[in-house]
All heavy atoms as atom14 arrays in JSON, in Angstrom:
{
  "sequence": "PCILLKMNRIIGYRPGAGVPVSVDCKVQKGNESDLRSVDFYPGNGTF",
  "atom14_mask": [
    [1, 1, 1, 1, 1, 1, 1, 0, 0, 0, 0, 0, 0, 0],
    [1, 1, 1, 1, 1, 1, 0, 0, 0, 0, 0, 0, 0, 0],
    [1, 1, 1, 1, 1, 1, 1, 1, 0, 0, 0, 0, 0, 0],
    [1, 1, 1, 1, 1, 1, 1, 1, 0, 0, 0, 0, 0, 0],
    [1, 1, 1, 1, 1, 1, 1, 1, 0, 0, 0, 0, 0, 0],
    [1, 1, 1, 1, 1, 1, 1, 1, 1, 0, 0, 0, 0, 0],
    [1, 1, 1, 1, 1, 1, 1, 1, 0, 0, 0, 0, 0, 0],
    [1, 1, 1, 1, 1, 1, 1, 1, 0, 0, 0, 0, 0, 0],
    [1, 1, 1, 1, 1, 1, 1, 1, 1, 1, 1, 0, 0, 0],
    [1, 1, 1, 1, 1, 1, 1, 1, 0, 0, 0, 0, 0, 0],
    [1, 1, 1, 1, 1, 1, 1, 1, 0, 0, 0, 0, 0, 0],
    [1, 1, 1, 1, 0, 0, 0, 0, 0, 0, 0, 0, 0, 0],
    [1, 1, 1, 1, 1, 1, 1, 1, 1, 1, 1, 1, 0, 0],
    [1, 1, 1, 1, 1, 1, 1, 1, 1, 1, 1, 0, 0, 0],
    [1, 1, 1, 1, 1, 1, 1, 0, 0, 0, 0, 0, 0, 0],
    [1, 1, 1, 1, 0, 0, 0, 0, 0, 0, 0, 0, 0, 0],
    [1, 1, 1, 1, 1, 0, 0, 0, 0, 0, 0, 0, 0, 0],
    [1, 1, 1, 1, 0, 0, 0, 0, 0, 0, 0, 0, 0, 0],
    [1, 1, 1, 1, 1, 1, 1, 0, 0, 0, 0, 0, 0, 0],
    [1, 1, 1, 1, 1, 1, 1, 0, 0, 0, 0, 0, 0, 0],
    [1, 1, 1, 1, 1, 1, 1, 0, 0, 0, 0, 0, 0, 0],
    [1, 1, 1, 1, 1, 1, 0, 0, 0, 0, 0, 0, 0, 0],
    [1, 1, 1, 1, 1, 1, 1, 0, 0, 0, 0, 0, 0, 0],
    [1, 1, 1, 1, 1, 1, 1, 1, 0, 0, 0, 0, 0, 0],
    [1, 1, 1, 1, 1, 1, 0, 0, 0, 0, 0, 0, 0, 0],
    [1, 1, 1, 1, 1, 1, 1, 1, 1, 0, 0, 0, 0, 0],
    [1, 1, 1, 1, 1, 1, 1, 0, 0, 0, 0, 0, 0, 0],
    [1, 1, 1, 1, 1, 1, 1, 1, 1, 0, 0, 0, 0, 0],
    [1, 1, 1, 1, 1, 1, 1, 1, 1, 0, 0, 0, 0, 0],
    [1, 1, 1, 1, 0, 0, 0, 0, 0, 0, 0, 0, 0, 0],
    [1, 1, 1, 1, 1, 1, 1, 1, 0, 0, 0, 0, 0, 0],
    [1, 1, 1, 1, 1, 1, 1, 1, 1, 0, 0, 0, 0, 0],
    [1, 1, 1, 1, 1, 1, 0, 0, 0, 0, 0, 0, 0, 0],
    [1, 1, 1, 1, 1, 1, 1, 1, 0, 0, 0, 0, 0, 0],
    [1, 1, 1, 1, 1, 1, 1, 1, 0, 0, 0, 0, 0, 0],
    [1, 1, 1, 1, 1, 1, 1, 1, 1, 1, 1, 0, 0, 0],
    [1, 1, 1, 1, 1, 1, 0, 0, 0, 0, 0, 0, 0, 0],
    [1, 1, 1, 1, 1, 1, 1, 0, 0, 0, 0, 0, 0, 0],
    [1, 1, 1, 1, 1, 1, 1, 1, 0, 0, 0, 0, 0, 0],
    [1, 1, 1, 1, 1, 1, 1, 1, 1, 1, 1, 0, 0, 0],
    [1, 1, 1, 1, 1, 1, 1, 1, 1, 1, 1, 1, 0, 0],
    [1, 1, 1, 1, 1, 1, 1, 0, 0, 0, 0, 0, 0, 0],
    [1, 1, 1, 1, 0, 0, 0, 0, 0, 0, 0, 0, 0, 0],
    [1, 1, 1, 1, 1, 1, 1, 1, 0, 0, 0, 0, 0, 0],
    [1, 1, 1, 1, 0, 0, 0, 0, 0, 0, 0, 0, 0, 0],
    [1, 1, 1, 1, 1, 1, 1, 0, 0, 0, 0, 0, 0, 0],
    [1, 1, 1, 1, 1, 1, 1, 1, 1, 1, 1, 0, 0, 0]
  ],
  "atom14_positions": [
    [[0.81, -1.22, -0.01], [0.02, 0.0, -0.01], [0.82, 1.28, 0.01], [1.91, 1.34, 0.58], [-0.8, -0.09, 1.3], [0.07, -0.94, 2.21], [0.72, -1.95, 1.29], [0.0, 0.0, 0.0], [0.0, 0.0, 0.0], [0.0, 0.0, 0.0], [0.0, 0.0, 0.0], [0.0, 0.0, 0.0], [0.0, 0.0, 0.0], [0.0, 0.0, 0.0]],
    [[0.24, 2.27, -0.66], [0.81, 3.64, -0.62], [0.03, 4.45, 0.42], [-1.18, 4.33, 0.53], [0.68, 4.32, -1.96], [1.75, 3.68, -3.25], [0.0, 0.0, 0.0], [0.0, 0.0, 0.0], [0.0, 0.0, 0.0], [0.0, 0.0, 0.0], [0.0, 0.0, 0.0], [0.0, 0.0, 0.0], [0.0, 0.0, 0.0], [0.0, 0.0, 0.0]],
    [[0.76, 5.25, 1.19], [0.16, 6.17, 2.14], [0.79, 7.53, 1.92], [2.0, 7.64, 1.73], [0.36, 5.68, 3.59], [-0.32, 4.34, 3.79], [-0.13, 6.7, 4.59], [-0.09, 3.72, 5.16], [0.0, 0.0, 0.0], [0.0, 0.0, 0.0], [0.0, 0.0, 0.0], [0.0, 0.0, 0.0], [0.0, 0.0, 0.0], [0.0, 0.0, 0.0]],
    [[-0.03, 8.56, 1.94], [0.43, 9.93, 1.69], [0.57, 10.67, 2.99], [-0.28, 10.57, 3.89], [-0.54, 10.65, 0.78], [-0.86, 9.97, -0.56], [-1.91, 10.79, -1.33], [0.37, 9.76, -1.4], [0.0, 0.0, 0.0], [0.0, 0.0, 0.0], [0.0, 0.0, 0.0], [0.0, 0.0, 0.0], [0.0, 0.0, 0.0], [0.0, 0.0, 0.0]],
    [[1.65, 11.45, 3.09], [1.91, 12.24, 4.28], [1.8, 13.73, 3.89], [2.4, 14.18, 2.91], [3.28, 11.96, 4.84], [3.61, 12.56, 6.22], [2.89, 11.83, 7.3], [5.12, 12.53, 6.47], [0.0, 0.0, 0.0], [0.0, 0.0, 0.0], [0.0, 0.0, 0.0], [0.0, 0.0, 0.0], [0.0, 0.0, 0.0], [0.0, 0.0, 0.0]],
    [[1.02, 14.48, 4.68], [0.83, 15.91, 4.42], [1.18, 16.71, 5.67], [0.76, 16.38, 6.77], [-0.62, 16.17, 4.03], [-0.96, 17.61, 3.65], [-2.37, 17.73, 3.17], [-3.39, 17.69, 4.27], [-3.36, 18.93, 5.08], [0.0, 0.0, 0.0], [0.0, 0.0, 0.0], [0.0, 0.0, 0.0], [0.0, 0.0, 0.0], [0.0, 0.0, 0.0]],
    [[1.99, 17.74, 5.46], [2.34, 18.65, 6.56], [1.27, 19.72, 6.73], [0.75, 20.24, 5.76], [3.68, 19.33, 6.24], [4.37, 20.0, 7.41], [5.85, 20.91, 6.94], [6.82, 19.68, 6.1], [0.0, 0.0, 0.0], [0.0, 0.0, 0.0], [0.0, 0.0, 0.0], [0.0, 0.0, 0.0], [0.0, 0.0, 0.0], [0.0, 0.0, 0.0]],
    [[0.86, 19.99, 7.97], [-0.18, 20.98, 8.19], [0.28, 22.37, 7.72], [1.46, 22.71, 7.82], [-0.49, 21.08, 9.68], [-1.2, 19.83, 10.21], [-1.63, 19.0, 9.43], [-1.29, 19.7, 11.53], [0.0, 0.0, 0.0], [0.0, 0.0, 0.0], [0.0, 0.0, 0.0], [0.0, 0.0, 0.0], [0.0, 0.0, 0.0], [0.0, 0.0, 0.0]],
    [[-0.67, 23.15, 7.24], [-0.36, 24.46, 6.72], [-0.18, 25.46, 7.86], [-1.0, 25.51, 8.77], [-1.48, 24.95, 5.8], [-1.71, 24.12, 4.57], [-2.85, 24.68, 3.73], [-3.1, 23.85, 2.55], [-4.01, 24.13, 1.63], [-4.77, 25.21, 1.8], [-4.17, 23.34, 0.57], [0.0, 0.0, 0.0], [0.0, 0.0, 0.0], [0.0, 0.0, 0.0]],
    [[0.89, 26.26, 7.76], [1.14, 27.29, 8.75], [1.48, 28.54, 7.96], [2.48, 28.54, 7.23], [2.26, 26.91, 9.7], [1.9, 25.62, 10.5], [2.52, 28.05, 10.7], [3.02, 25.14, 11.36], [0.0, 0.0, 0.0], [0.0, 0.0, 0.0], [0.0, 0.0, 0.0], [0.0, 0.0, 0.0], [0.0, 0.0, 0.0], [0.0, 0.0, 0.0]],
    [[0.75, 29.63, 8.14], [0.96, 30.85, 7.39], [2.35, 31.4, 7.71], [2.71, 31.59, 8.85], [-0.12, 31.89, 7.72], [-1.49, 31.41, 7.23], [0.25, 33.26, 7.08], [-2.65, 32.34, 7.58], [0.0, 0.0, 0.0], [0.0, 0.0, 0.0], [0.0, 0.0, 0.0], [0.0, 0.0, 0.0], [0.0, 0.0, 0.0], [0.0, 0.0, 0.0]],
    [[3.12, 31.65, 6.62], [4.44, 32.26, 6.76], [5.56, 31.32, 7.16], [6.71, 31.72, 7.19], [0.0, 0.0, 0.0], [0.0, 0.0, 0.0], [0.0, 0.0, 0.0], [0.0, 0.0, 0.0], [0.0, 0.0, 0.0], [0.0, 0.0, 0.0], [0.0, 0.0, 0.0], [0.0, 0.0, 0.0], [0.0, 0.0, 0.0], [0.0, 0.0, 0.0]],
    [[5.24, 30.08, 7.43], [6.26, 29.13, 7.91], [7.21, 28.69, 6.77], [6.77, 28.39, 5.69], [5.58, 27.9, 8.52], [6.5, 26.89, 9.11], [7.3, 27.18, 10.18], [6.55, 25.58, 8.62], [8.17, 26.27, 10.76], [7.37, 24.61, 9.18], [8.18, 24.96, 10.25], [9.02, 24.05, 10.8], [0.0, 0.0, 0.0], [0.0, 0.0, 0.0]],
    [[8.51, 28.67, 7.11], [9.52, 28.2, 6.15], [10.23, 26.99, 6.79], [11.18, 27.13, 7.51], [10.53, 29.31, 5.85], [9.89, 30.59, 5.31], [10.92, 31.66, 5.01], [10.3, 32.96, 4.77], [10.97, 34.07, 4.47], [12.33, 34.0, 4.39], [10.33, 35.17, 4.24], [0.0, 0.0, 0.0], [0.0, 0.0, 0.0], [0.0, 0.0, 0.0]],
    [[9.72, 25.79, 6.48], [10.28, 24.59, 7.15], [11.72, 24.33, 6.76], [12.15, 24.58, 5.63], [9.37, 23.48, 6.65], [8.82, 24.0, 5.35], [8.7, 25.49, 5.53], [0.0, 0.0, 0.0], [0.0, 0.0, 0.0], [0.0, 0.0, 0.0], [0.0, 0.0, 0.0], [0.0, 0.0, 0.0], [0.0, 0.0, 0.0], [0.0, 0.0, 0.0]],
    [[12.47, 23.81, 7.72], [13.82, 23.36, 7.46], [14.88, 24.41, 7.46], [16.07, 24.09, 7.24], [0.0, 0.0, 0.0], [0.0, 0.0, 0.0], [0.0, 0.0, 0.0], [0.0, 0.0, 0.0], [0.0, 0.0, 0.0], [0.0, 0.0, 0.0], [0.0, 0.0, 0.0], [0.0, 0.0, 0.0], [0.0, 0.0, 0.0], [0.0, 0.0, 0.0]],
    [[14.51, 25.67, 7.62], [15.52, 26.77, 7.64], [16.45, 26.68, 6.42], [17.66, 26.78, 6.53], [16.33, 26.75, 8.93], [0.0, 0.0, 0.0], [0.0, 0.0, 0.0], [0.0, 0.0, 0.0], [0.0, 0.0, 0.0], [0.0, 0.0, 0.0], [0.0, 0.0, 0.0], [0.0, 0.0, 0.0], [0.0, 0.0, 0.0], [0.0, 0.0, 0.0]],
    [[15.86, 26.52, 5.24], [16.63, 26.52, 4.0], [17.05, 25.14, 3.49], [17.61, 25.03, 2.4], [0.0, 0.0, 0.0], [0.0, 0.0, 0.0], [0.0, 0.0, 0.0], [0.0, 0.0, 0.0], [0.0, 0.0, 0.0], [0.0, 0.0, 0.0], [0.0, 0.0, 0.0], [0.0, 0.0, 0.0], [0.0, 0.0, 0.0], [0.0, 0.0, 0.0]],
    [[16.77, 24.09, 4.27], [17.08, 22.72, 3.85], [15.76, 21.92, 3.87], [15.07, 21.94, 4.88], [18.09, 22.07, 4.81], [18.37, 20.64, 4.35], [19.36, 22.88, 4.82], [0.0, 0.0, 0.0], [0.0, 0.0, 0.0], [0.0, 0.0, 0.0], [0.0, 0.0, 0.0], [0.0, 0.0, 0.0], [0.0, 0.0, 0.0], [0.0, 0.0, 0.0]],
    [[15.43, 21.24, 2.77], [14.15, 20.55, 2.71], [13.95, 19.56, 3.86], [14.88, 18.83, 4.21], [14.23, 19.81, 1.36], [15.15, 20.62, 0.54], [16.18, 21.14, 1.51], [0.0, 0.0, 0.0], [0.0, 0.0, 0.0], [0.0, 0.0, 0.0], [0.0, 0.0, 0.0], [0.0, 0.0, 0.0], [0.0, 0.0, 0.0], [0.0, 0.0, 0.0]],
    [[12.74, 19.53, 4.41], [12.36, 18.59, 5.44], [12.17, 17.21, 4.81], [11.52, 17.09, 3.75], [11.09, 19.04, 6.18], [10.58, 17.97, 7.12], [11.38, 20.32, 6.95], [0.0, 0.0, 0.0], [0.0, 0.0, 0.0], [0.0, 0.0, 0.0], [0.0, 0.0, 0.0], [0.0, 0.0, 0.0], [0.0, 0.0, 0.0], [0.0, 0.0, 0.0]],
    [[12.68, 16.16, 5.44], [12.59, 14.81, 4.9], [11.68, 13.96, 5.77], [11.31, 14.36, 6.87], [13.95, 14.17, 4.74], [14.58, 14.03, 6.05], [0.0, 0.0, 0.0], [0.0, 0.0, 0.0], [0.0, 0.0, 0.0], [0.0, 0.0, 0.0], [0.0, 0.0, 0.0], [0.0, 0.0, 0.0], [0.0, 0.0, 0.0], [0.0, 0.0, 0.0]],
    [[11.34, 12.78, 5.27], [10.48, 11.85, 5.96], [11.18, 10.5, 6.1], [11.8, 10.05, 5.15], [9.14, 11.67, 5.22], [8.24, 10.65, 5.93], [8.41, 13.01, 5.07], [0.0, 0.0, 0.0], [0.0, 0.0, 0.0], [0.0, 0.0, 0.0], [0.0, 0.0, 0.0], [0.0, 0.0, 0.0], [0.0, 0.0, 0.0], [0.0, 0.0, 0.0]],
    [[11.03, 9.88, 7.26], [11.47, 8.47, 7.36], [10.43, 7.7, 8.17], [9.61, 8.28, 8.88], [12.86, 8.36, 8.0], [12.91, 8.79, 9.46], [11.88, 8.73, 10.15], [13.99, 9.17, 9.93], [0.0, 0.0, 0.0], [0.0, 0.0, 0.0], [0.0, 0.0, 0.0], [0.0, 0.0, 0.0], [0.0, 0.0, 0.0], [0.0, 0.0, 0.0]],
    [[10.45, 6.38, 8.01], [9.48, 5.52, 8.69], [10.19, 4.36, 9.33], [11.2, 3.85, 8.79], [8.43, 4.98, 7.71], [7.4, 6.25, 6.92], [0.0, 0.0, 0.0], [0.0, 0.0, 0.0], [0.0, 0.0, 0.0], [0.0, 0.0, 0.0], [0.0, 0.0, 0.0], [0.0, 0.0, 0.0], [0.0, 0.0, 0.0], [0.0, 0.0, 0.0]],
    [[9.64, 3.9, 10.44], [10.24, 2.73, 11.14], [9.12, 2.07, 11.96], [8.03, 2.62, 12.15], [11.38, 3.19, 12.07], [10.93, 4.14, 13.16], [12.12, 4.58, 14.03], [11.64, 5.55, 15.13], [12.77, 5.97, 16.0], [0.0, 0.0, 0.0], [0.0, 0.0, 0.0], [0.0, 0.0, 0.0], [0.0, 0.0, 0.0], [0.0, 0.0, 0.0]],
    [[9.43, 0.84, 12.38], [8.51, 0.16, 13.28], [8.54, 0.86, 14.6], [9.58, 1.09, 15.21], [8.91, -1.31, 13.43], [8.03, -2.0, 14.46], [8.8, -2.05, 12.12], [0.0, 0.0, 0.0], [0.0, 0.0, 0.0], [0.0, 0.0, 0.0], [0.0, 0.0, 0.0], [0.0, 0.0, 0.0], [0.0, 0.0, 0.0], [0.0, 0.0, 0.0]],
    [[7.34, 1.27, 15.09], [7.31, 2.01, 16.34], [7.7, 1.14, 17.56], [8.5, 1.52, 18.39], [5.9, 2.6, 16.56], [5.87, 3.56, 17.71], [4.53, 3.54, 18.48], [3.69, 2.65, 18.23], [4.36, 4.45, 19.38], [0.0, 0.0, 0.0], [0.0, 0.0, 0.0], [0.0, 0.0, 0.0], [0.0, 0.0, 0.0], [0.0, 0.0, 0.0]],
    [[7.06, -0.04, 17.62], [7.39, -0.98, 18.7], [7.41, -2.37, 18.09], [6.51, -2.75, 17.33], [6.33, -0.9, 19.82], [6.34, 0.35, 20.62], [5.29, 0.33, 21.7], [5.27, 1.6, 22.52], [4.2, 1.55, 23.59], [0.0, 0.0, 0.0], [0.0, 0.0, 0.0], [0.0, 0.0, 0.0], [0.0, 0.0, 0.0], [0.0, 0.0, 0.0]],
    [[8.39, -3.15, 18.48], [8.45, -4.52, 18.01], [9.69, -4.79, 17.16], [10.68, -4.06, 17.24], [0.0, 0.0, 0.0], [0.0, 0.0, 0.0], [0.0, 0.0, 0.0], [0.0, 0.0, 0.0], [0.0, 0.0, 0.0], [0.0, 0.0, 0.0], [0.0, 0.0, 0.0], [0.0, 0.0, 0.0], [0.0, 0.0, 0.0], [0.0, 0.0, 0.0]],
    [[9.61, -5.78, 16.33], [10.74, -6.21, 15.52], [10.89, -5.31, 14.29], [9.99, -5.16, 13.5], [10.49, -7.66, 15.05], [11.74, -8.31, 14.51], [12.63, -7.64, 13.97], [11.83, -9.62, 14.69], [0.0, 0.0, 0.0], [0.0, 0.0, 0.0], [0.0, 0.0, 0.0], [0.0, 0.0, 0.0], [0.0, 0.0, 0.0], [0.0, 0.0, 0.0]],
    [[12.08, -4.7, 14.15], [12.32, -3.83, 13.03], [12.19, -4.5, 11.65], [11.93, -3.89, 10.65], [13.69, -3.19, 13.16], [13.82, -2.24, 14.33], [15.17, -1.56, 14.39], [16.03, -1.84, 13.49], [15.42, -0.78, 15.34], [0.0, 0.0, 0.0], [0.0, 0.0, 0.0], [0.0, 0.0, 0.0], [0.0, 0.0, 0.0], [0.0, 0.0, 0.0]],
    [[12.44, -5.82, 11.65], [12.34, -6.57, 10.41], [10.93, -6.74, 9.86], [10.7, -7.2, 8.77], [13.0, -7.96, 10.54], [12.25, -8.75, 11.47], [0.0, 0.0, 0.0], [0.0, 0.0, 0.0], [0.0, 0.0, 0.0], [0.0, 0.0, 0.0], [0.0, 0.0, 0.0], [0.0, 0.0, 0.0], [0.0, 0.0, 0.0], [0.0, 0.0, 0.0]],
    [[9.93, -6.33, 10.71], [8.52, -6.36, 10.21], [8.3, -5.39, 9.08], [7.34, -5.54, 8.31], [7.58, -6.09, 11.37], [7.55, -7.19, 12.41], [8.11, -8.29, 12.12], [7.04, -6.95, 13.52], [0.0, 0.0, 0.0], [0.0, 0.0, 0.0], [0.0, 0.0, 0.0], [0.0, 0.0, 0.0], [0.0, 0.0, 0.0], [0.0, 0.0, 0.0]],
    [[9.12, -4.35, 9.02], [9.07, -3.38, 7.94], [10.39, -3.43, 7.2], [11.39, -2.83, 7.64], [8.8, -1.98, 8.52], [8.78, -0.82, 7.5], [7.65, -1.02, 6.5], [8.6, 0.51, 8.24], [0.0, 0.0, 0.0], [0.0, 0.0, 0.0], [0.0, 0.0, 0.0], [0.0, 0.0, 0.0], [0.0, 0.0, 0.0], [0.0, 0.0, 0.0]],
    [[10.4, -4.14, 6.09], [11.68, -4.39, 5.4], [12.01, -3.41, 4.27], [13.16, -3.28, 3.91], [11.66, -5.82, 4.87], [11.7, -6.9, 5.95], [11.66, -8.29, 5.4], [10.3, -8.65, 4.97], [9.43, -9.27, 5.74], [9.71, -9.56, 7.0], [8.23, -9.57, 5.28], [0.0, 0.0, 0.0], [0.0, 0.0, 0.0], [0.0, 0.0, 0.0]],
    [[10.99, -2.74, 3.75], [11.26, -1.85, 2.64], [10.16, -0.79, 2.5], [8.97, -1.09, 2.54], [11.35, -2.66, 1.36], [11.6, -1.8, 0.24], [0.0, 0.0, 0.0], [0.0, 0.0, 0.0], [0.0, 0.0, 0.0], [0.0, 0.0, 0.0], [0.0, 0.0, 0.0], [0.0, 0.0, 0.0], [0.0, 0.0, 0.0], [0.0, 0.0, 0.0]],
    [[10.6, 0.47, 2.32], [9.68, 1.61, 2.07], [10.34, 2.45, 1.0], [11.51, 2.83, 1.11], [9.46, 2.47, 3.32], [8.37, 3.5, 3.03], [9.05, 1.62, 4.51], [0.0, 0.0, 0.0], [0.0, 0.0, 0.0], [0.0, 0.0, 0.0], [0.0, 0.0, 0.0], [0.0, 0.0, 0.0], [0.0, 0.0, 0.0], [0.0, 0.0, 0.0]],
    [[9.56, 2.79, -0.03], [10.0, 3.72, -1.04], [9.33, 5.06, -0.82], [8.12, 5.09, -0.46], [9.7, 3.21, -2.47], [10.49, 1.93, -2.79], [11.58, 1.74, -2.25], [9.97, 1.12, -3.57], [0.0, 0.0, 0.0], [0.0, 0.0, 0.0], [0.0, 0.0, 0.0], [0.0, 0.0, 0.0], [0.0, 0.0, 0.0], [0.0, 0.0, 0.0]],
    [[10.07, 6.15, -1.09], [9.47, 7.48, -0.87], [9.44, 8.27, -2.2], [10.37, 8.2, -3.0], [10.31, 8.25, 0.12], [10.31, 7.68, 1.52], [11.29, 6.77, 1.91], [9.34, 8.02, 2.43], [11.32, 6.23, 3.16], [9.36, 7.5, 3.74], [10.33, 6.55, 4.1], [0.0, 0.0, 0.0], [0.0, 0.0, 0.0], [0.0, 0.0, 0.0]],
    [[8.34, 8.98, -2.39], [8.2, 9.84, -3.58], [7.62, 11.21, -3.1], [6.82, 11.22, -2.17], [7.24, 9.21, -4.61], [7.57, 7.79, -5.0], [6.82, 6.72, -4.5], [8.64, 7.49, -5.85], [7.12, 5.41, -4.83], [8.94, 6.2, -6.21], [8.2, 5.17, -5.69], [8.49, 3.85, -6.04], [0.0, 0.0, 0.0], [0.0, 0.0, 0.0]],
    [[7.93, 12.27, -3.83], [8.9, 12.34, -4.93], [10.34, 12.26, -4.42], [10.62, 12.56, -3.27], [8.6, 13.7, -5.56], [8.05, 14.52, -4.44], [7.31, 13.58, -3.53], [0.0, 0.0, 0.0], [0.0, 0.0, 0.0], [0.0, 0.0, 0.0], [0.0, 0.0, 0.0], [0.0, 0.0, 0.0], [0.0, 0.0, 0.0], [0.0, 0.0, 0.0]],
    [[11.19, 11.91, -5.35], [12.62, 11.84, -5.05], [12.93, 11.02, -3.85], [12.55, 9.86, -3.71], [0.0, 0.0, 0.0], [0.0, 0.0, 0.0], [0.0, 0.0, 0.0], [0.0, 0.0, 0.0], [0.0, 0.0, 0.0], [0.0, 0.0, 0.0], [0.0, 0.0, 0.0], [0.0, 0.0, 0.0], [0.0, 0.0, 0.0], [0.0, 0.0, 0.0]],
    [[13.61, 11.62, -2.88], [14.05, 10.91, -1.68], [13.12, 11.21, -0.51], [13.54, 11.08, 0.65], [15.48, 11.28, -1.36], [15.66, 12.78, -1.25], [14.74, 13.57, -1.5], [16.86, 13.23, -0.87], [0.0, 0.0, 0.0], [0.0, 0.0, 0.0], [0.0, 0.0, 0.0], [0.0, 0.0, 0.0], [0.0, 0.0, 0.0], [0.0, 0.0, 0.0]],
    [[11.9, 11.59, -0.79], [10.91, 11.83, 0.3], [11.12, 13.13, 1.05], [11.22, 13.11, 2.27], [0.0, 0.0, 0.0], [0.0, 0.0, 0.0], [0.0, 0.0, 0.0], [0.0, 0.0, 0.0], [0.0, 0.0, 0.0], [0.0, 0.0, 0.0], [0.0, 0.0, 0.0], [0.0, 0.0, 0.0], [0.0, 0.0, 0.0], [0.0, 0.0, 0.0]],
    [[11.18, 14.23, 0.3], [11.33, 15.54, 0.92], [10.23, 16.48, 0.47], [9.63, 16.3, -0.57], [12.7, 16.19, 0.59], [12.8, 16.3, -0.84], [13.83, 15.32, 1.1], [0.0, 0.0, 0.0], [0.0, 0.0, 0.0], [0.0, 0.0, 0.0], [0.0, 0.0, 0.0], [0.0, 0.0, 0.0], [0.0, 0.0, 0.0], [0.0, 0.0, 0.0]],
    [[9.99, 17.5, 1.28], [9.05, 18.56, 0.96], [9.88, 19.73, 0.37], [10.64, 20.39, 1.09], [8.31, 19.06, 2.21], [7.35, 18.05, 2.76], [7.75, 17.16, 3.73], [6.05, 17.99, 2.3], [6.88, 16.22, 4.27], [5.15, 17.04, 2.8], [5.58, 16.16, 3.77], [0.0, 0.0, 0.0], [0.0, 0.0, 0.0], [0.0, 0.0, 0.0]]
  ]
}
């Protein structure tokens, strides 16, 4: 499955102070091997 992540809108906000904010995912609790592969789009998963 694909899941989309959206950052909340904030008037005037400039995220990352000049460097794009990125996204990563991991198993919150449990065996890390339960999540073996995630692809991010666009590019390397940045805003």
